Amino acid sequence: MITIYHNPKCSKSRCGLELLKDSGKEYQIVDYLKKGISKEELKNLLTKLQMSPIELVRTKENIWKEQFKGKTLTDDEVIEAMIQYPQLIERPIVIVGDKAVIGRPTERIKEII
């Protein structure tokens, strides 16, 4: 089963979802902005992405600039920031089994589906 962590307001995320629809494969959508995201979920995503927490952060978001830019944060503090402000999480994230990619550019999604 394919899972997409999707932000409907994001054009890249919508393109990623469209790619999944066009693939004809079965998938599930996680609207993490509505549902929220747990620490365990984030750590699992980071493992599948093979990334550090800061690599998953959208550092150009105003919330990041206003509250965290220039601060030295531990990995756990970065994870807590993403839990509190899920819009900081890069998107879309597509998971297939034990692998995941950030769908930027969208073609990266094709690599794992």
N, C-alpha and C. Protein backbone atom coordinates (compact mmCIF):
# COMPACT_ATOMS: atom_id res chain seq x y z
N MET A 1 0.85 -1.19 0.00
CA MET A 1 0.00 0.00 0.00
C MET A 1 0.89 1.25 0.00
N ILE A 2 0.51 2.21 -0.80
CA ILE A 2 1.21 3.49 -0.89
C ILE A 2 0.50 4.46 0.04
N THR A 3 1.29 5.25 0.76
CA THR A 3 0.74 6.29 1.63
C THR A 3 1.34 7.62 1.22
N ILE A 4 0.49 8.66 1.14
CA ILE A 4 0.97 10.00 0.85
C ILE A 4 0.58 10.92 1.99
N TYR A 5 1.57 11.59 2.55
CA TYR A 5 1.33 12.65 3.52
C TYR A 5 1.10 13.90 2.68
N HIS A 6 -0.14 14.38 2.70
CA HIS A 6 -0.61 15.35 1.71
C HIS A 6 -1.09 16.63 2.38
N ASN A 7 -0.72 17.75 1.74
CA ASN A 7 -1.24 19.06 2.13
C ASN A 7 -2.03 19.58 0.94
N PRO A 8 -3.36 19.59 1.02
CA PRO A 8 -4.18 19.99 -0.13
C PRO A 8 -3.94 21.43 -0.60
N LYS A 9 -3.35 22.27 0.24
CA LYS A 9 -3.09 23.66 -0.15
C LYS A 9 -1.79 23.81 -0.94
N CYS A 10 -0.99 22.75 -1.00
CA CYS A 10 0.32 22.80 -1.64
C CYS A 10 0.24 22.27 -3.07
N SER A 11 0.67 23.06 -4.04
CA SER A 11 0.59 22.64 -5.45
C SER A 11 1.44 21.40 -5.72
N LYS A 12 2.62 21.29 -5.12
CA LYS A 12 3.47 20.11 -5.33
C LYS A 12 2.81 18.86 -4.74
N SER A 13 2.15 19.04 -3.62
CA SER A 13 1.45 17.92 -2.99
C SER A 13 0.27 17.48 -3.86
N ARG A 14 -0.45 18.44 -4.41
CA ARG A 14 -1.56 18.10 -5.31
C ARG A 14 -1.05 17.39 -6.56
N CYS A 15 0.10 17.83 -7.09
CA CYS A 15 0.70 17.15 -8.26
C CYS A 15 1.09 15.72 -7.90
N GLY A 16 1.63 15.53 -6.71
CA GLY A 16 2.01 14.19 -6.26
C GLY A 16 0.80 13.29 -6.14
N LEU A 17 -0.28 13.83 -5.61
CA LEU A 17 -1.52 13.05 -5.47
C LEU A 17 -2.07 12.70 -6.85
N GLU A 18 -2.02 13.63 -7.77
CA GLU A 18 -2.48 13.38 -9.14
C GLU A 18 -1.66 12.26 -9.79
N LEU A 19 -0.36 12.27 -9.57
CA LEU A 19 0.51 11.22 -10.10
C LEU A 19 0.09 9.85 -9.55
N LEU A 20 -0.22 9.80 -8.25
CA LEU A 20 -0.67 8.54 -7.66
C LEU A 20 -2.01 8.10 -8.26
N LYS A 21 -2.93 9.05 -8.44
CA LYS A 21 -4.22 8.71 -9.05
C LYS A 21 -4.01 8.13 -10.44
N ASP A 22 -3.15 8.78 -11.22
CA ASP A 22 -2.89 8.35 -12.60
C ASP A 22 -2.18 7.00 -12.66
N SER A 23 -1.48 6.63 -11.60
CA SER A 23 -0.74 5.36 -11.60
C SER A 23 -1.68 4.16 -11.55
N GLY A 24 -2.91 4.38 -11.06
CA GLY A 24 -3.86 3.29 -10.94
C GLY A 24 -3.61 2.40 -9.73
N LYS A 25 -2.59 2.74 -8.95
CA LYS A 25 -2.26 1.93 -7.77
C LYS A 25 -3.09 2.39 -6.58
N GLU A 26 -3.27 1.48 -5.64
CA GLU A 26 -4.03 1.78 -4.43
C GLU A 26 -3.16 2.61 -3.48
N TYR A 27 -3.75 3.62 -2.87
CA TYR A 27 -3.01 4.48 -1.95
C TYR A 27 -3.95 5.02 -0.88
N GLN A 28 -3.34 5.49 0.18
CA GLN A 28 -4.13 6.17 1.22
C GLN A 28 -3.53 7.55 1.45
N ILE A 29 -4.40 8.48 1.81
CA ILE A 29 -3.99 9.87 2.03
C ILE A 29 -3.98 10.15 3.52
N VAL A 30 -2.90 10.77 3.98
CA VAL A 30 -2.82 11.25 5.36
C VAL A 30 -2.80 12.77 5.30
N ASP A 31 -3.87 13.40 5.77
CA ASP A 31 -3.92 14.86 5.85
C ASP A 31 -3.37 15.25 7.21
N TYR A 32 -2.07 15.33 7.28
CA TYR A 32 -1.39 15.54 8.56
C TYR A 32 -1.66 16.91 9.16
N LEU A 33 -2.11 17.87 8.36
CA LEU A 33 -2.44 19.18 8.92
C LEU A 33 -3.72 19.11 9.75
N LYS A 34 -4.68 18.30 9.30
CA LYS A 34 -5.94 18.13 10.05
C LYS A 34 -5.76 17.15 11.20
N LYS A 35 -5.13 16.02 10.90
CA LYS A 35 -5.01 14.92 11.85
C LYS A 35 -3.92 15.16 12.89
N GLY A 36 -2.91 15.92 12.51
CA GLY A 36 -1.73 16.06 13.37
C GLY A 36 -0.78 14.91 13.10
N ILE A 37 0.36 14.95 13.76
CA ILE A 37 1.36 13.90 13.57
C ILE A 37 2.03 13.63 14.90
N SER A 38 2.26 12.38 15.20
CA SER A 38 2.86 12.01 16.49
C SER A 38 4.38 11.95 16.37
N LYS A 39 5.02 11.94 17.50
CA LYS A 39 6.48 11.82 17.55
C LYS A 39 6.92 10.50 16.93
N GLU A 40 6.20 9.44 17.26
CA GLU A 40 6.51 8.12 16.72
C GLU A 40 6.38 8.10 15.20
N GLU A 41 5.30 8.71 14.69
CA GLU A 41 5.08 8.79 13.25
C GLU A 41 6.21 9.54 12.55
N LEU A 42 6.59 10.68 13.13
CA LEU A 42 7.67 11.48 12.55
C LEU A 42 8.99 10.72 12.54
N LYS A 43 9.30 10.06 13.65
CA LYS A 43 10.55 9.30 13.71
C LYS A 43 10.54 8.17 12.69
N ASN A 44 9.39 7.54 12.51
CA ASN A 44 9.25 6.49 11.52
C ASN A 44 9.47 7.05 10.11
N LEU A 45 8.88 8.20 9.82
CA LEU A 45 9.07 8.86 8.53
C LEU A 45 10.54 9.18 8.30
N LEU A 46 11.19 9.73 9.31
CA LEU A 46 12.61 10.10 9.18
C LEU A 46 13.48 8.88 8.89
N THR A 47 13.16 7.77 9.53
CA THR A 47 13.91 6.53 9.28
C THR A 47 13.72 6.09 7.83
N LYS A 48 12.48 6.10 7.36
CA LYS A 48 12.21 5.67 5.99
C LYS A 48 12.80 6.62 4.96
N LEU A 49 12.84 7.90 5.30
CA LEU A 49 13.42 8.90 4.41
C LEU A 49 14.95 8.93 4.49
N GLN A 50 15.49 8.33 5.55
CA GLN A 50 16.92 8.37 5.84
C GLN A 50 17.40 9.83 5.93
N MET A 51 16.67 10.60 6.76
CA MET A 51 16.96 12.02 6.92
C MET A 51 17.05 12.36 8.39
N SER A 52 17.71 13.47 8.66
CA SER A 52 17.71 14.02 10.01
C SER A 52 16.48 14.93 10.13
N PRO A 53 16.03 15.22 11.34
CA PRO A 53 14.84 16.06 11.50
C PRO A 53 14.94 17.41 10.79
N ILE A 54 16.08 18.08 10.89
CA ILE A 54 16.19 19.41 10.29
C ILE A 54 16.06 19.35 8.76
N GLU A 55 16.42 18.22 8.16
CA GLU A 55 16.31 18.08 6.70
C GLU A 55 14.85 18.00 6.25
N LEU A 56 13.96 17.70 7.15
CA LEU A 56 12.54 17.58 6.83
C LEU A 56 11.78 18.89 7.05
N VAL A 57 12.47 19.89 7.59
CA VAL A 57 11.82 21.16 7.92
C VAL A 57 11.83 22.12 6.73
N ARG A 58 10.69 22.76 6.53
CA ARG A 58 10.58 23.83 5.54
C ARG A 58 11.06 25.12 6.22
N THR A 59 12.35 25.37 6.09
CA THR A 59 12.97 26.48 6.82
C THR A 59 12.59 27.85 6.27
N LYS A 60 11.91 27.89 5.14
CA LYS A 60 11.48 29.18 4.58
C LYS A 60 10.09 29.58 5.06
N GLU A 61 9.43 28.70 5.79
CA GLU A 61 8.11 29.03 6.36
C GLU A 61 8.27 30.15 7.39
N ASN A 62 7.30 31.05 7.42
CA ASN A 62 7.35 32.17 8.36
C ASN A 62 7.45 31.72 9.81
N ILE A 63 6.72 30.66 10.16
CA ILE A 63 6.76 30.17 11.55
C ILE A 63 8.19 29.80 11.92
N TRP A 64 8.89 29.12 11.01
CA TRP A 64 10.28 28.74 11.30
C TRP A 64 11.14 29.99 11.47
N LYS A 65 11.01 30.91 10.54
CA LYS A 65 11.82 32.14 10.58
C LYS A 65 11.57 32.93 11.87
N GLU A 66 10.30 33.03 12.25
CA GLU A 66 9.93 33.84 13.41
C GLU A 66 10.29 33.19 14.74
N GLN A 67 10.19 31.85 14.82
CA GLN A 67 10.34 31.21 16.13
C GLN A 67 11.61 30.40 16.31
N PHE A 68 12.22 29.95 15.21
CA PHE A 68 13.32 29.00 15.38
C PHE A 68 14.62 29.37 14.67
N LYS A 69 14.55 30.23 13.66
CA LYS A 69 15.74 30.56 12.87
C LYS A 69 16.85 31.11 13.76
N GLY A 70 18.05 30.60 13.54
CA GLY A 70 19.21 31.07 14.30
C GLY A 70 19.41 30.37 15.63
N LYS A 71 18.44 29.55 16.04
CA LYS A 71 18.56 28.82 17.31
C LYS A 71 19.21 27.47 17.06
N THR A 72 19.97 27.01 18.02
CA THR A 72 20.54 25.68 17.94
C THR A 72 19.58 24.72 18.63
N LEU A 73 18.98 23.83 17.84
CA LEU A 73 17.98 22.91 18.38
C LEU A 73 18.48 21.48 18.29
N THR A 74 18.12 20.68 19.28
CA THR A 74 18.41 19.25 19.22
C THR A 74 17.44 18.60 18.23
N ASP A 75 17.73 17.37 17.84
CA ASP A 75 16.80 16.64 16.96
C ASP A 75 15.42 16.55 17.58
N ASP A 76 15.36 16.27 18.88
CA ASP A 76 14.05 16.17 19.55
C ASP A 76 13.31 17.50 19.54
N GLU A 77 14.03 18.60 19.68
CA GLU A 77 13.38 19.92 19.64
C GLU A 77 12.84 20.22 18.25
N VAL A 78 13.58 19.82 17.22
CA VAL A 78 13.10 20.01 15.84
C VAL A 78 11.85 19.17 15.61
N ILE A 79 11.86 17.94 16.10
CA ILE A 79 10.68 17.06 15.98
C ILE A 79 9.49 17.68 16.71
N GLU A 80 9.71 18.19 17.90
CA GLU A 80 8.62 18.84 18.66
C GLU A 80 8.07 20.04 17.90
N ALA A 81 8.95 20.80 17.24
CA ALA A 81 8.51 21.96 16.44
C ALA A 81 7.60 21.50 15.30
N MET A 82 7.97 20.38 14.65
CA MET A 82 7.14 19.86 13.54
C MET A 82 5.81 19.31 14.05
N ILE A 83 5.80 18.75 15.25
CA ILE A 83 4.55 18.26 15.84
C ILE A 83 3.63 19.45 16.15
N GLN A 84 4.21 20.49 16.72
CA GLN A 84 3.42 21.67 17.08
C GLN A 84 2.96 22.44 15.84
N TYR A 85 3.82 22.49 14.82
CA TYR A 85 3.53 23.24 13.59
C TYR A 85 3.73 22.31 12.39
N PRO A 86 2.78 21.42 12.11
CA PRO A 86 2.97 20.44 11.04
C PRO A 86 3.18 21.05 9.65
N GLN A 87 2.82 22.32 9.48
CA GLN A 87 3.06 22.97 8.18
C GLN A 87 4.55 23.14 7.90
N LEU A 88 5.39 22.92 8.91
CA LEU A 88 6.84 22.97 8.73
C LEU A 88 7.39 21.73 8.03
N ILE A 89 6.59 20.68 7.92
CA ILE A 89 7.06 19.42 7.34
C ILE A 89 7.04 19.51 5.81
N GLU A 90 8.17 19.14 5.20
CA GLU A 90 8.24 19.09 3.73
C GLU A 90 7.15 18.17 3.21
N ARG A 91 6.65 18.48 2.04
CA ARG A 91 5.58 17.68 1.46
C ARG A 91 5.67 17.70 -0.05
N PRO A 92 5.01 16.74 -0.68
CA PRO A 92 4.38 15.56 -0.12
C PRO A 92 5.41 14.50 0.24
N ILE A 93 5.07 13.64 1.15
CA ILE A 93 5.92 12.49 1.48
C ILE A 93 5.15 11.25 1.04
N VAL A 94 5.80 10.42 0.24
CA VAL A 94 5.18 9.19 -0.25
C VAL A 94 5.95 8.01 0.31
N ILE A 95 5.20 7.08 0.90
CA ILE A 95 5.80 5.90 1.53
C ILE A 95 5.33 4.65 0.79
N VAL A 96 6.29 3.78 0.51
CA VAL A 96 6.00 2.45 -0.03
C VAL A 96 6.85 1.48 0.77
N GLY A 97 6.19 0.66 1.59
CA GLY A 97 6.93 -0.30 2.42
C GLY A 97 7.84 0.41 3.40
N ASP A 98 9.13 0.08 3.34
CA ASP A 98 10.07 0.69 4.29
C ASP A 98 10.87 1.83 3.67
N LYS A 99 10.39 2.35 2.52
CA LYS A 99 11.06 3.46 1.86
C LYS A 99 10.10 4.63 1.72
N ALA A 100 10.67 5.82 1.68
CA ALA A 100 9.86 7.03 1.50
C ALA A 100 10.68 8.06 0.74
N VAL A 101 9.97 8.96 0.06
CA VAL A 101 10.60 10.09 -0.62
C VAL A 101 9.76 11.33 -0.40
N ILE A 102 10.44 12.47 -0.46
CA ILE A 102 9.73 13.75 -0.53
C ILE A 102 9.51 13.99 -2.02
N GLY A 103 8.28 14.24 -2.40
CA GLY A 103 7.93 14.36 -3.81
C GLY A 103 8.25 15.71 -4.42
N ARG A 104 9.46 16.16 -4.23
CA ARG A 104 9.96 17.41 -4.84
C ARG A 104 11.30 17.10 -5.47
N PRO A 105 11.38 17.10 -6.77
CA PRO A 105 10.30 17.26 -7.73
C PRO A 105 9.39 16.03 -7.75
N THR A 106 8.24 16.19 -8.36
CA THR A 106 7.23 15.14 -8.37
C THR A 106 7.75 13.82 -8.94
N GLU A 107 8.69 13.91 -9.87
CA GLU A 107 9.25 12.71 -10.51
C GLU A 107 9.87 11.75 -9.49
N ARG A 108 10.29 12.26 -8.35
CA ARG A 108 10.87 11.39 -7.32
C ARG A 108 9.87 10.33 -6.86
N ILE A 109 8.59 10.66 -6.91
CA ILE A 109 7.56 9.70 -6.51
C ILE A 109 7.58 8.49 -7.43
N LYS A 110 7.81 8.73 -8.72
CA LYS A 110 7.84 7.63 -9.69
C LYS A 110 8.92 6.62 -9.36
N GLU A 111 9.99 7.07 -8.70
CA GLU A 111 11.11 6.19 -8.37
C GLU A 111 10.72 5.09 -7.38
N ILE A 112 9.71 5.33 -6.55
CA ILE A 112 9.38 4.30 -5.55
C ILE A 112 8.04 3.61 -5.76
N ILE A 113 7.19 4.16 -6.64
CA ILE A 113 5.90 3.49 -6.84
C ILE A 113 6.01 2.52 -7.94
